[in-house]
N, C-alpha and C. Protein backbone atom coordinates (compact mmCIF):
# COMPACT_ATOMS: atom_id res chain seq x y z
N MET A 1 0.79 -1.17 0.05
CA MET A 1 -0.08 -0.01 0.07
C MET A 1 0.94 1.16 -0.06
N LYS A 2 0.53 2.08 -0.75
CA LYS A 2 1.31 3.47 -0.77
C LYS A 2 0.29 4.66 -0.10
N GLU A 3 0.99 5.69 0.37
CA GLU A 3 0.02 6.53 1.17
C GLU A 3 -0.01 7.72 -0.11
N LEU A 4 -1.23 8.33 -0.19
CA LEU A 4 -1.78 9.49 -1.16
C LEU A 4 -2.25 10.54 -0.28
N HIS A 5 -2.15 11.61 -1.12
CA HIS A 5 -3.00 13.08 -0.53
C HIS A 5 -4.35 12.79 -1.00
N ILE A 6 -5.16 13.10 0.03
CA ILE A 6 -6.79 12.98 -0.58
C ILE A 6 -7.00 13.74 -1.69
N SER A 7 -6.30 14.86 -2.14
CA SER A 7 -6.58 15.51 -3.68
C SER A 7 -6.24 14.59 -4.66
N GLU A 8 -5.24 13.55 -4.37
CA GLU A 8 -4.95 12.76 -5.67
C GLU A 8 -6.08 11.87 -5.98
N VAL A 9 -6.88 11.62 -5.08
CA VAL A 9 -8.12 10.61 -5.24
C VAL A 9 -9.49 11.01 -5.22
N SER A 10 -9.69 12.51 -5.17
CA SER A 10 -11.06 12.97 -4.71
C SER A 10 -12.08 12.79 -5.84
N GLU A 11 -11.54 12.74 -7.06
CA GLU A 11 -12.50 12.64 -8.35
C GLU A 11 -12.75 11.03 -8.42
N GLU A 12 -11.79 10.36 -8.10
CA GLU A 12 -11.90 8.81 -8.15
C GLU A 12 -13.13 8.53 -7.01
N ILE A 13 -12.91 9.02 -5.84
CA ILE A 13 -13.91 8.73 -4.93
C ILE A 13 -15.46 9.21 -5.23
N ILE A 14 -15.47 10.32 -5.90
CA ILE A 14 -16.73 10.89 -6.27
C ILE A 14 -17.42 9.96 -7.49
N ASN A 15 -16.53 9.41 -8.06
CA ASN A 15 -16.91 8.66 -9.22
C ASN A 15 -17.22 7.23 -8.80
N GLU A 16 -16.67 6.82 -7.87
CA GLU A 16 -16.79 5.40 -7.26
C GLU A 16 -18.00 5.02 -6.19
N LEU A 17 -18.29 6.22 -5.78
CA LEU A 17 -19.51 6.27 -4.83
C LEU A 17 -21.17 5.50 -5.38
N PRO A 18 -21.20 5.98 -6.33
CA PRO A 18 -22.73 5.52 -6.93
C PRO A 18 -22.55 3.99 -6.92
N GLY A 19 -21.39 3.44 -7.28
CA GLY A 19 -21.16 1.87 -7.13
C GLY A 19 -21.24 1.20 -5.83
N GLY A 20 -21.09 2.13 -4.67
CA GLY A 20 -20.78 1.59 -3.60
C GLY A 20 -19.49 1.46 -3.08
N ALA A 21 -19.37 1.59 -1.72
CA ALA A 21 -18.17 1.52 -0.89
C ALA A 21 -18.57 0.99 0.42
N LEU A 22 -17.29 0.52 1.17
CA LEU A 22 -17.61 -0.23 2.36
C LEU A 22 -17.14 0.92 3.38
N LEU A 23 -18.20 1.41 4.19
CA LEU A 23 -18.04 2.08 5.69
C LEU A 23 -17.90 0.95 6.83
N THR A 24 -16.45 1.02 7.28
CA THR A 24 -16.25 0.04 8.34
C THR A 24 -16.04 0.88 9.61
N VAL A 25 -16.53 0.29 10.72
CA VAL A 25 -16.50 0.93 12.03
C VAL A 25 -16.61 0.14 13.10
N LYS A 26 -15.49 0.57 14.22
CA LYS A 26 -15.17 -0.71 15.43
C LYS A 26 -15.40 0.55 16.61
N SER A 27 -16.16 -0.15 17.52
CA SER A 27 -16.15 0.59 18.99
C SER A 27 -16.47 -0.30 19.82
N LYS A 28 -16.67 0.03 21.28
CA LYS A 28 -17.10 -0.94 22.33
C LYS A 28 -18.16 -1.51 22.00
N ASN A 29 -18.95 -1.28 20.78
CA ASN A 29 -20.39 -1.89 20.65
C ASN A 29 -20.03 -2.85 19.50
N GLY A 30 -18.96 -2.93 18.92
CA GLY A 30 -18.54 -3.97 17.90
C GLY A 30 -18.19 -3.47 16.76
N LEU A 31 -17.95 -4.56 15.76
CA LEU A 31 -17.22 -4.28 14.44
C LEU A 31 -18.46 -4.48 13.52
N ASN A 32 -18.36 -3.67 12.36
CA ASN A 32 -19.34 -3.90 11.24
C ASN A 32 -18.79 -3.12 10.09
N THR A 33 -19.38 -3.56 8.78
CA THR A 33 -19.07 -2.83 7.55
C THR A 33 -20.46 -2.84 6.92
N MET A 34 -20.78 -1.59 6.15
CA MET A 34 -21.93 -1.73 5.45
C MET A 34 -21.67 -0.71 4.17
N VAL A 35 -22.60 -0.55 3.35
CA VAL A 35 -22.38 -0.19 2.01
C VAL A 35 -22.88 1.34 2.05
N ILE A 36 -22.13 2.06 1.49
CA ILE A 36 -22.50 3.49 1.31
C ILE A 36 -22.39 3.84 -0.18
N GLY A 37 -23.42 4.89 -0.61
CA GLY A 37 -23.31 5.30 -1.71
C GLY A 37 -23.31 6.80 -1.71
N TRP A 38 -23.36 7.12 -0.55
CA TRP A 38 -23.64 8.99 -0.57
C TRP A 38 -22.36 9.23 0.58
N ALA A 39 -21.79 10.26 0.29
CA ALA A 39 -20.74 10.84 1.07
C ALA A 39 -20.41 12.38 0.70
N THR A 40 -19.72 13.27 1.34
CA THR A 40 -19.20 14.29 0.70
C THR A 40 -17.59 14.69 1.10
N LEU A 41 -17.00 15.05 0.04
CA LEU A 41 -15.49 15.35 0.40
C LEU A 41 -15.23 16.76 0.19
N GLY A 42 -14.67 17.51 1.34
CA GLY A 42 -14.34 18.93 1.12
C GLY A 42 -13.56 19.44 2.33
N ARG A 43 -13.47 20.50 2.52
CA ARG A 43 -12.64 21.04 3.36
C ARG A 43 -13.54 21.82 4.58
N VAL A 44 -13.26 21.54 5.65
CA VAL A 44 -14.08 22.18 6.90
C VAL A 44 -12.99 22.34 7.91
N TRP A 45 -13.06 23.51 8.73
CA TRP A 45 -12.06 23.90 9.85
C TRP A 45 -10.70 23.70 9.21
N ASN A 46 -10.42 23.87 8.14
CA ASN A 46 -9.28 23.98 7.37
C ASN A 46 -8.53 22.63 7.46
N LYS A 47 -9.29 21.75 7.42
CA LYS A 47 -9.21 20.18 7.39
C LYS A 47 -9.68 19.35 6.36
N PRO A 48 -9.06 18.54 5.94
CA PRO A 48 -9.67 17.22 4.56
C PRO A 48 -10.74 16.90 5.66
N ILE A 49 -12.21 16.87 5.03
CA ILE A 49 -13.24 16.23 5.78
C ILE A 49 -14.13 15.27 4.78
N LEU A 50 -14.12 13.92 5.24
CA LEU A 50 -15.24 13.01 4.41
C LEU A 50 -16.36 12.72 5.54
N THR A 51 -17.56 13.25 4.70
CA THR A 51 -18.78 13.12 5.54
C THR A 51 -19.33 11.93 5.27
N VAL A 52 -19.95 10.87 5.81
CA VAL A 52 -20.48 9.80 5.77
C VAL A 52 -22.12 10.14 6.61
N MET A 53 -23.17 9.29 6.04
CA MET A 53 -24.39 9.28 6.78
C MET A 53 -24.73 7.91 6.88
N VAL A 54 -25.31 7.78 8.18
CA VAL A 54 -25.83 6.25 8.58
C VAL A 54 -27.32 6.51 9.26
N ARG A 55 -28.18 5.83 8.53
CA ARG A 55 -29.39 5.73 9.11
C ARG A 55 -29.74 5.17 10.53
N PHE A 56 -30.53 5.73 11.27
CA PHE A 56 -30.66 5.06 12.56
C PHE A 56 -31.03 3.70 12.82
N SER A 57 -32.00 3.16 11.65
CA SER A 57 -32.37 1.88 11.74
C SER A 57 -30.99 0.84 11.37
N ARG A 58 -29.93 1.25 10.96
CA ARG A 58 -28.84 0.42 10.51
C ARG A 58 -27.90 -0.04 11.85
N PHE A 59 -27.50 -1.44 11.75
CA PHE A 59 -26.69 -2.13 12.73
C PHE A 59 -25.60 -1.15 12.83
N THR A 60 -24.94 -0.67 11.92
CA THR A 60 -23.87 0.22 11.89
C THR A 60 -24.05 1.37 12.99
N HIS A 61 -25.30 2.20 13.03
CA HIS A 61 -25.69 3.11 13.66
C HIS A 61 -25.38 2.81 15.12
N ASP A 62 -25.62 1.78 15.66
CA ASP A 62 -25.38 1.26 17.21
C ASP A 62 -23.93 1.56 17.44
N ILE A 63 -23.08 1.06 16.24
CA ILE A 63 -21.53 1.03 16.59
C ILE A 63 -20.89 2.36 16.65
N ILE A 64 -21.43 3.23 15.32
CA ILE A 64 -20.70 4.21 15.16
C ILE A 64 -20.81 5.45 16.23
N LYS A 65 -22.01 5.31 16.80
CA LYS A 65 -22.54 6.47 17.55
C LYS A 65 -21.51 6.64 18.69
N ASP A 66 -20.51 5.64 19.26
CA ASP A 66 -19.59 5.49 20.08
C ASP A 66 -18.37 5.41 19.55
N ALA A 67 -18.12 5.43 18.30
CA ALA A 67 -16.83 5.37 17.75
C ALA A 67 -16.05 6.63 17.42
N ASP A 68 -14.78 6.60 17.43
CA ASP A 68 -13.82 7.49 17.25
C ASP A 68 -13.30 7.75 15.88
N SER A 69 -13.60 6.92 15.12
CA SER A 69 -13.12 6.65 13.51
C SER A 69 -14.07 5.95 12.81
N PHE A 70 -13.60 5.66 11.59
CA PHE A 70 -14.12 4.99 10.65
C PHE A 70 -13.32 5.11 9.31
N THR A 71 -13.73 4.09 8.47
CA THR A 71 -12.94 3.92 7.16
C THR A 71 -13.93 3.80 6.21
N VAL A 72 -13.57 4.27 4.88
CA VAL A 72 -14.23 3.84 3.68
C VAL A 72 -13.14 3.16 2.80
N SER A 73 -13.64 1.99 2.33
CA SER A 73 -13.10 1.32 1.29
C SER A 73 -13.70 1.09 -0.02
N PHE A 74 -12.67 1.17 -0.90
CA PHE A 74 -13.45 1.13 -2.24
C PHE A 74 -12.90 0.13 -2.97
N SER A 75 -13.59 -0.11 -4.34
CA SER A 75 -13.20 -1.25 -5.09
C SER A 75 -12.90 -0.90 -6.62
N THR A 76 -11.92 -0.18 -6.96
CA THR A 76 -11.92 0.61 -8.11
C THR A 76 -11.75 -0.21 -9.07
N LYS A 77 -10.76 -1.39 -8.68
CA LYS A 77 -10.67 -2.64 -9.84
C LYS A 77 -11.61 -3.69 -9.62
N GLY A 78 -12.85 -3.43 -9.04
CA GLY A 78 -13.80 -4.58 -8.68
C GLY A 78 -13.61 -5.79 -7.90
N LYS A 79 -12.51 -5.62 -6.99
CA LYS A 79 -12.43 -6.74 -6.36
C LYS A 79 -13.12 -6.88 -5.10
N LEU A 80 -13.97 -6.04 -4.81
CA LEU A 80 -15.12 -5.93 -3.66
C LEU A 80 -16.42 -6.18 -4.14
N LYS A 81 -16.47 -6.20 -5.41
CA LYS A 81 -17.96 -6.36 -5.92
C LYS A 81 -18.85 -7.20 -5.41
N GLY A 82 -18.72 -8.34 -5.36
CA GLY A 82 -19.33 -9.27 -4.62
C GLY A 82 -19.48 -8.94 -3.21
N ALA A 83 -18.62 -8.72 -2.51
CA ALA A 83 -18.77 -8.22 -1.11
C ALA A 83 -19.70 -7.00 -0.85
N ILE A 84 -19.62 -6.10 -1.68
CA ILE A 84 -20.33 -4.83 -1.67
C ILE A 84 -21.89 -5.33 -2.20
N ALA A 85 -22.12 -6.18 -2.90
CA ALA A 85 -23.31 -6.60 -3.31
C ALA A 85 -24.08 -7.35 -1.92
N GLY A 86 -23.09 -8.19 -1.39
CA GLY A 86 -23.71 -8.93 -0.25
C GLY A 86 -24.11 -8.11 1.10
N CYS A 87 -22.74 -7.25 1.31
CA CYS A 87 -23.08 -6.25 2.50
C CYS A 87 -24.16 -5.27 2.31
N GLY A 88 -24.28 -5.18 1.29
CA GLY A 88 -25.50 -4.37 0.92
C GLY A 88 -27.04 -4.89 1.06
N SER A 89 -26.84 -6.19 1.26
CA SER A 89 -28.44 -6.96 1.46
C SER A 89 -28.35 -7.71 2.58
N LYS A 90 -27.32 -7.50 3.34
CA LYS A 90 -27.55 -8.49 4.74
C LYS A 90 -27.24 -7.36 5.82
N SER A 91 -27.65 -7.75 6.98
CA SER A 91 -27.24 -6.94 7.99
C SER A 91 -26.39 -7.61 9.10
N GLY A 92 -25.43 -6.51 9.60
CA GLY A 92 -24.48 -7.11 10.55
C GLY A 92 -25.41 -7.96 11.82
N ARG A 93 -26.60 -7.52 11.99
CA ARG A 93 -27.32 -7.99 13.35
C ARG A 93 -27.28 -9.51 13.09
N ASP A 94 -27.45 -10.03 11.84
CA ASP A 94 -27.87 -11.48 11.45
C ASP A 94 -26.61 -12.31 10.87
N ILE A 95 -25.44 -11.41 10.66
CA ILE A 95 -24.50 -12.36 10.05
C ILE A 95 -23.07 -11.61 10.61
N ASP A 96 -22.04 -12.37 10.48
CA ASP A 96 -20.65 -11.81 10.50
C ASP A 96 -20.09 -11.46 9.20
N LYS A 97 -20.18 -10.19 8.62
CA LYS A 97 -20.03 -9.93 7.21
C LYS A 97 -18.41 -10.22 6.91
N PHE A 98 -17.56 -10.18 8.02
CA PHE A 98 -16.21 -10.34 7.63
C PHE A 98 -16.06 -11.91 7.17
N LYS A 99 -16.60 -12.65 8.08
CA LYS A 99 -16.71 -14.01 7.71
C LYS A 99 -17.41 -14.38 6.49
N GLU A 100 -18.55 -13.85 6.56
CA GLU A 100 -19.60 -14.37 5.22
C GLU A 100 -19.05 -13.91 3.92
N PHE A 101 -18.28 -12.84 3.80
CA PHE A 101 -17.52 -12.42 2.65
C PHE A 101 -16.24 -12.37 2.45
N ASN A 102 -15.60 -13.19 3.28
CA ASN A 102 -14.12 -12.93 3.46
C ASN A 102 -13.46 -12.09 3.28
N LEU A 103 -13.85 -10.86 4.39
CA LEU A 103 -13.06 -9.80 4.58
C LEU A 103 -12.29 -9.78 5.53
N THR A 104 -11.15 -9.05 5.12
CA THR A 104 -9.93 -8.92 6.15
C THR A 104 -9.77 -7.42 6.68
N PRO A 105 -10.00 -7.52 7.93
CA PRO A 105 -9.91 -6.17 8.68
C PRO A 105 -8.52 -5.60 8.88
N SER A 106 -8.03 -4.52 8.53
CA SER A 106 -6.68 -4.23 8.51
C SER A 106 -6.40 -2.89 9.17
N TYR A 107 -5.63 -2.63 9.95
CA TYR A 107 -5.49 -1.65 10.90
C TYR A 107 -4.47 -0.64 10.68
N VAL A 108 -4.37 0.71 11.04
CA VAL A 108 -3.53 1.63 11.08
C VAL A 108 -3.09 2.11 12.38
N GLU A 109 -2.31 2.40 12.72
CA GLU A 109 -1.62 2.95 14.12
C GLU A 109 -2.66 4.29 14.76
N ASN A 110 -3.06 4.07 15.77
CA ASN A 110 -3.98 4.94 16.60
C ASN A 110 -5.33 4.99 15.97
N ILE A 111 -5.70 4.01 15.15
CA ILE A 111 -7.08 4.16 14.66
C ILE A 111 -7.85 3.06 14.86
N GLU A 112 -8.84 3.11 15.62
CA GLU A 112 -9.58 1.91 15.97
C GLU A 112 -10.26 1.22 14.93
N SER A 113 -11.07 1.87 13.95
CA SER A 113 -11.60 1.18 13.07
C SER A 113 -10.91 0.69 11.97
N PRO A 114 -11.04 -0.61 11.33
CA PRO A 114 -10.16 -0.91 10.45
C PRO A 114 -10.35 -0.51 8.86
N TYR A 115 -9.90 -0.73 8.00
CA TYR A 115 -10.16 -0.78 6.78
C TYR A 115 -10.40 -2.16 6.24
N ILE A 116 -10.83 -2.38 4.76
CA ILE A 116 -11.23 -3.65 4.31
C ILE A 116 -9.71 -3.96 3.33
N ALA A 117 -9.15 -4.84 3.71
CA ALA A 117 -7.77 -5.21 3.10
C ALA A 117 -8.12 -5.39 1.57
N GLU A 118 -9.19 -6.07 1.33
CA GLU A 118 -9.47 -6.49 -0.30
C GLU A 118 -9.84 -5.28 -1.26
N GLY A 119 -9.98 -4.18 -0.51
CA GLY A 119 -10.22 -3.03 -1.52
C GLY A 119 -8.90 -2.48 -1.74
N ASP A 120 -8.94 -1.59 -2.84
CA ASP A 120 -7.92 -1.00 -3.24
C ASP A 120 -7.21 0.51 -2.94
N LEU A 121 -8.52 1.28 -2.45
CA LEU A 121 -8.49 2.48 -2.04
C LEU A 121 -9.29 3.06 -0.80
N HIS A 122 -8.51 3.19 0.13
CA HIS A 122 -8.97 3.27 1.62
C HIS A 122 -8.84 4.76 2.11
N ILE A 123 -10.00 5.31 2.85
CA ILE A 123 -9.76 6.77 3.43
C ILE A 123 -10.05 6.39 4.79
N ILE A 124 -9.13 6.99 5.82
CA ILE A 124 -9.02 6.50 7.03
C ILE A 124 -9.43 7.98 7.69
N CYS A 125 -10.23 8.19 8.75
CA CYS A 125 -10.80 9.08 9.12
C CYS A 125 -11.10 9.37 10.71
N LYS A 126 -10.89 10.06 11.37
CA LYS A 126 -11.31 10.51 12.73
C LYS A 126 -12.42 11.08 12.85
N ILE A 127 -13.32 10.63 13.72
CA ILE A 127 -14.50 11.58 13.74
C ILE A 127 -14.37 12.79 14.47
N VAL A 128 -14.77 13.92 13.83
CA VAL A 128 -14.24 15.16 14.64
C VAL A 128 -15.94 16.00 14.96
N TYR A 129 -16.85 15.37 14.38
CA TYR A 129 -17.95 16.06 14.35
C TYR A 129 -19.29 15.13 14.01
N LYS A 130 -20.40 15.10 14.65
CA LYS A 130 -21.72 14.22 14.30
C LYS A 130 -22.73 15.19 14.43
N ASN A 131 -23.82 15.05 13.70
CA ASN A 131 -25.00 15.62 14.04
C ASN A 131 -26.30 14.93 13.33
N THR A 132 -27.44 15.06 14.19
CA THR A 132 -28.46 14.19 13.59
C THR A 132 -29.44 15.21 12.86
N MET A 133 -29.93 14.65 11.95
CA MET A 133 -30.86 15.34 10.78
C MET A 133 -31.95 15.91 11.46
N GLU A 134 -32.31 17.13 11.27
CA GLU A 134 -33.54 17.83 11.81
C GLU A 134 -34.68 17.69 10.81
N PRO A 135 -35.55 16.70 10.71
CA PRO A 135 -36.63 16.61 9.77
C PRO A 135 -37.25 18.00 9.03
N GLU A 136 -37.54 18.83 10.22
CA GLU A 136 -38.30 19.99 9.69
C GLU A 136 -37.48 21.09 8.84
N LEU A 137 -35.96 20.72 8.83
CA LEU A 137 -35.17 21.66 8.40
C LEU A 137 -34.83 20.99 6.57
N LEU A 138 -35.34 19.93 6.10
CA LEU A 138 -35.30 19.54 5.06
C LEU A 138 -36.21 19.84 4.08
N SER A 139 -35.90 19.98 2.89
CA SER A 139 -36.81 20.38 1.91
C SER A 139 -37.95 19.28 1.81
N ASP A 140 -39.46 19.88 1.54
CA ASP A 140 -40.17 18.68 1.17
C ASP A 140 -39.89 17.65 -0.05
N GLU A 141 -39.36 17.76 -0.93
CA GLU A 141 -38.76 17.03 -1.96
C GLU A 141 -37.88 16.05 -1.35
N ILE A 142 -36.95 16.42 -0.76
CA ILE A 142 -35.90 15.22 -0.12
C ILE A 142 -36.61 14.67 0.98
N LYS A 143 -37.37 15.07 1.80
CA LYS A 143 -38.12 14.34 2.84
C LYS A 143 -38.97 13.11 2.19
N GLU A 144 -39.62 13.56 1.17
CA GLU A 144 -40.66 12.92 0.30
C GLU A 144 -39.89 11.71 -0.44
N ARG A 145 -38.87 11.94 -0.94
CA ARG A 145 -38.08 11.26 -1.84
C ARG A 145 -37.34 10.21 -1.06
N TRP A 146 -36.53 10.56 0.20
CA TRP A 146 -35.53 9.82 0.87
C TRP A 146 -35.88 9.38 1.97
N TYR A 147 -36.91 9.94 2.75
CA TYR A 147 -37.49 9.55 4.17
C TYR A 147 -38.92 9.56 4.43
N SER A 148 -39.69 8.87 3.60
CA SER A 148 -41.02 8.81 3.80
C SER A 148 -41.42 7.73 4.74
N ASP A 149 -40.10 7.11 5.28
CA ASP A 149 -40.52 6.31 6.42
C ASP A 149 -39.99 6.63 7.74
N ASN A 150 -39.38 7.87 7.57
CA ASN A 150 -39.06 8.69 8.87
C ASN A 150 -37.66 8.00 9.41
N ASP A 151 -36.76 7.46 8.43
CA ASP A 151 -35.67 6.76 8.90
C ASP A 151 -34.54 7.91 8.71
N TYR A 152 -34.17 8.63 9.34
CA TYR A 152 -33.45 9.70 9.03
C TYR A 152 -31.75 9.22 9.36
N HIS A 153 -30.68 10.21 8.93
CA HIS A 153 -29.47 9.86 9.32
C HIS A 153 -28.91 10.48 10.39
N THR A 154 -27.97 9.92 10.73
CA THR A 154 -26.79 10.86 11.47
C THR A 154 -25.77 11.05 10.65
N ILE A 155 -25.20 12.35 10.50
CA ILE A 155 -24.11 12.78 9.58
C ILE A 155 -22.73 12.57 10.62
N TYR A 156 -21.66 11.90 10.30
CA TYR A 156 -20.50 11.83 10.72
C TYR A 156 -19.37 12.61 10.14
N TYR A 157 -18.77 13.52 10.43
CA TYR A 157 -17.60 14.28 9.71
C TYR A 157 -16.25 13.76 10.10
N GLY A 158 -15.58 12.92 9.19
CA GLY A 158 -14.37 12.52 9.41
C GLY A 158 -13.34 13.26 8.96
N GLU A 159 -12.20 13.81 10.02
CA GLU A 159 -10.99 14.16 9.44
C GLU A 159 -10.27 12.99 8.71
N VAL A 160 -9.71 13.36 7.34
CA VAL A 160 -9.05 12.43 6.56
C VAL A 160 -7.82 12.15 7.27
N ILE A 161 -7.11 11.33 7.73
CA ILE A 161 -6.10 11.11 8.35
C ILE A 161 -5.11 10.59 7.49
N LYS A 162 -5.60 9.65 6.73
CA LYS A 162 -4.51 8.97 5.81
C LYS A 162 -5.33 8.21 4.63
N VAL A 163 -4.73 8.25 3.57
CA VAL A 163 -5.25 7.61 2.26
C VAL A 163 -4.13 6.53 1.73
N LEU A 164 -4.92 5.42 1.45
CA LEU A 164 -4.13 4.54 1.23
C LEU A 164 -4.52 3.72 -0.05
N ALA A 165 -3.48 3.45 -1.09
CA ALA A 165 -4.15 2.82 -2.27
C ALA A 165 -3.23 1.67 -2.69
N ASP A 166 -3.66 0.76 -3.27
CA ASP A 166 -2.87 -0.19 -3.98
C ASP A 166 -1.63 0.14 -4.63
N GLU A 167 -0.54 -0.30 -4.68
CA GLU A 167 0.65 0.09 -5.71
C GLU A 167 0.53 -0.14 -6.97
């Protein structure tokens, strides 16, 4: 793995998200990975920030609410295609996704949440802020399209600590 600057992969991240990526989180409440297709990348508080959203109903929500970090692993070469499909259709409440989909958690120093070794691009983040969506502040269009079941997100702001990519 080689270390890159986030600016070297920002376009790739944006292009890969619609196909799914694996958000992985570990805390005292457990370890899980889930598929995400939404995120934002930018600069906040003069830091590179990746924001991810986790719905209240997700098993991962119970883990990330007490986490200090998260990682996002991408499959730019298709190596995680099967795992992304499987992890997107099964809950960590019911199965161990790491065993079920042959995923290997890999760690970087001083970060509790692992990245998925089988991916080829990894964003390692330290959580610096989180906020719960306030439905009354959402436009009616977004609320009707994405939240008709009232299953809102908590938004996690992760300072990008490290970016790793296959050589």
